[in-house]
Amino acid sequence: MTLSIGAQLFAIQNELEKDLHGTLQQIAAIGYSEVEAANLPSKESASTLNQALDSVGLTCRSAHFITPMLLANPAAAIEIA
């Protein structure tokens, strides 16, 4: 079994806010194949993130959410997941 190392998107959230596609392209270019979603860029939908990930060959294997988001908008958390 081969293990993959993924990038946590929380660590690059400022860059994602500025340039979602370009930042994901750079993540893929340095060799990552998987990411963990957290704190999606506020202007982007889960669908847009999914399309951007697909376009650069990245997959999202996991996500984490802060409790206030889960309580305030569980439907959005489910869409992202």
C-alpha atoms as a PDB file:
ATOM      1  CA  MET A   1       0.000   0.000   0.000  1.00  0.00           C
ATOM      2  CA  THR A   2       1.318   3.430  -0.960  1.00  0.00           C
ATOM      3  CA  LEU A   3       0.670   6.343   1.360  1.00  0.00           C
ATOM      4  CA  SER A   4       0.130   9.834   0.046  1.00  0.00           C
ATOM      5  CA  ILE A   5       1.088  13.035   1.793  1.00  0.00           C
ATOM      6  CA  GLY A   6      -1.443  15.805   1.456  1.00  0.00           C
ATOM      7  CA  ALA A   7      -1.400  19.553   1.983  1.00  0.00           C
ATOM      8  CA  GLN A   8      -3.699  21.156   4.524  1.00  0.00           C
ATOM      9  CA  LEU A   9      -5.417  24.096   2.832  1.00  0.00           C
ATOM     10  CA  PHE A  10      -5.802  25.956   6.127  1.00  0.00           C
ATOM     11  CA  ALA A  11      -2.074  26.644   6.029  1.00  0.00           C
ATOM     12  CA  ILE A  12      -2.390  28.512   2.726  1.00  0.00           C
ATOM     13  CA  GLN A  13      -5.795  30.125   3.156  1.00  0.00           C
ATOM     14  CA  ASN A  14      -4.532  33.666   2.433  1.00  0.00           C
ATOM     15  CA  GLU A  15      -3.033  32.541  -0.865  1.00  0.00           C
ATOM     16  CA  LEU A  16      -6.244  30.685  -1.763  1.00  0.00           C
ATOM     17  CA  GLU A  17      -8.249  33.879  -1.143  1.00  0.00           C
ATOM     18  CA  LYS A  18      -6.015  35.762  -3.590  1.00  0.00           C
ATOM     19  CA  ASP A  19      -5.770  33.124  -6.336  1.00  0.00           C
ATOM     20  CA  LEU A  20      -7.595  29.832  -5.844  1.00  0.00           C
ATOM     21  CA  HIS A  21      -6.656  28.138  -9.095  1.00  0.00           C
ATOM     22  CA  GLY A  22      -3.067  29.388  -9.242  1.00  0.00           C
ATOM     23  CA  THR A  23      -2.385  28.341  -5.651  1.00  0.00           C
ATOM     24  CA  LEU A  24      -3.815  24.866  -6.202  1.00  0.00           C
ATOM     25  CA  GLN A  25      -1.751  24.594  -9.370  1.00  0.00           C
ATOM     26  CA  GLN A  26       1.387  25.329  -7.358  1.00  0.00           C
ATOM     27  CA  ILE A  27       0.434  22.720  -4.733  1.00  0.00           C
ATOM     28  CA  ALA A  28       0.059  20.105  -7.473  1.00  0.00           C
ATOM     29  CA  ALA A  29       3.276  21.225  -9.195  1.00  0.00           C
ATOM     30  CA  ILE A  30       5.388  20.614  -6.094  1.00  0.00           C
ATOM     31  CA  GLY A  31       4.123  17.054  -5.913  1.00  0.00           C
ATOM     32  CA  TYR A  32       1.048  16.920  -3.714  1.00  0.00           C
ATOM     33  CA  SER A  33      -1.839  14.802  -4.968  1.00  0.00           C
ATOM     34  CA  GLU A  34      -4.234  15.270  -2.028  1.00  0.00           C
ATOM     35  CA  VAL A  35      -5.440  18.104   0.186  1.00  0.00           C
ATOM     36  CA  GLU A  36      -7.476  18.571   3.338  1.00  0.00           C
ATOM     37  CA  ALA A  37     -10.073  21.318   3.128  1.00  0.00           C
ATOM     38  CA  ALA A  38     -10.514  23.848   5.903  1.00  0.00           C
ATOM     39  CA  ASN A  39     -11.729  27.448   5.866  1.00  0.00           C
ATOM     40  CA  LEU A  40     -12.649  27.627   2.215  1.00  0.00           C
ATOM     41  CA  PRO A  41     -12.075  30.950   0.496  1.00  0.00           C
ATOM     42  CA  SER A  42     -15.103  33.057   1.405  1.00  0.00           C
ATOM     43  CA  LYS A  43     -15.901  33.972  -2.189  1.00  0.00           C
ATOM     44  CA  GLU A  44     -15.822  30.398  -3.483  1.00  0.00           C
ATOM     45  CA  SER A  45     -18.432  27.645  -3.314  1.00  0.00           C
ATOM     46  CA  ALA A  46     -17.646  24.026  -2.563  1.00  0.00           C
ATOM     47  CA  SER A  47     -18.498  23.248  -6.181  1.00  0.00           C
ATOM     48  CA  THR A  48     -15.972  25.803  -7.439  1.00  0.00           C
ATOM     49  CA  LEU A  49     -13.294  24.375  -5.145  1.00  0.00           C
ATOM     50  CA  ASN A  50     -14.071  20.865  -6.369  1.00  0.00           C
ATOM     51  CA  GLN A  51     -13.763  21.942 -10.009  1.00  0.00           C
ATOM     52  CA  ALA A  52     -10.483  23.732  -9.294  1.00  0.00           C
ATOM     53  CA  LEU A  53      -9.080  20.657  -7.535  1.00  0.00           C
ATOM     54  CA  ASP A  54     -10.123  18.423 -10.438  1.00  0.00           C
ATOM     55  CA  SER A  55      -8.577  20.762 -12.998  1.00  0.00           C
ATOM     56  CA  VAL A  56      -5.117  20.433 -11.415  1.00  0.00           C
ATOM     57  CA  GLY A  57      -5.365  16.746 -10.509  1.00  0.00           C
ATOM     58  CA  LEU A  58      -5.799  17.113  -6.747  1.00  0.00           C
ATOM     59  CA  THR A  59      -8.236  15.174  -4.581  1.00  0.00           C
ATOM     60  CA  CYS A  60      -9.691  16.212  -1.247  1.00  0.00           C
ATOM     61  CA  ARG A  61      -9.605  13.273   1.165  1.00  0.00           C
ATOM     62  CA  SER A  62     -10.761  15.033   4.317  1.00  0.00           C
ATOM     63  CA  ALA A  63     -12.034  18.282   5.771  1.00  0.00           C
ATOM     64  CA  HIS A  64     -12.381  19.840   9.152  1.00  0.00           C
ATOM     65  CA  PHE A  65     -14.788  22.455  10.424  1.00  0.00           C
ATOM     66  CA  ILE A  66     -15.040  24.711  13.429  1.00  0.00           C
ATOM     67  CA  THR A  67     -18.028  24.061  15.686  1.00  0.00           C
ATOM     68  CA  PRO A  68     -19.664  27.489  15.139  1.00  0.00           C
ATOM     69  CA  MET A  69     -19.830  26.823  11.392  1.00  0.00           C
ATOM     70  CA  LEU A  70     -21.347  23.402  11.924  1.00  0.00           C
ATOM     71  CA  LEU A  71     -23.973  24.861  14.225  1.00  0.00           C
ATOM     72  CA  ALA A  72     -24.706  27.954  12.134  1.00  0.00           C
ATOM     73  CA  ASN A  73     -24.826  26.307   8.714  1.00  0.00           C
ATOM     74  CA  PRO A  74     -24.742  22.499   8.742  1.00  0.00           C
ATOM     75  CA  ALA A  75     -25.965  22.340   5.129  1.00  0.00           C
ATOM     76  CA  ALA A  76     -22.886  24.264   3.946  1.00  0.00           C
ATOM     77  CA  ALA A  77     -20.573  21.949   5.882  1.00  0.00           C
ATOM     78  CA  ILE A  78     -22.262  18.928   4.300  1.00  0.00           C
ATOM     79  CA  GLU A  79     -21.906  20.455   0.815  1.00  0.00           C
ATOM     80  CA  ILE A  80     -18.205  21.047   1.396  1.00  0.00           C
ATOM     81  CA  ALA A  81     -17.663  17.553   2.772  1.00  0.00           C
END
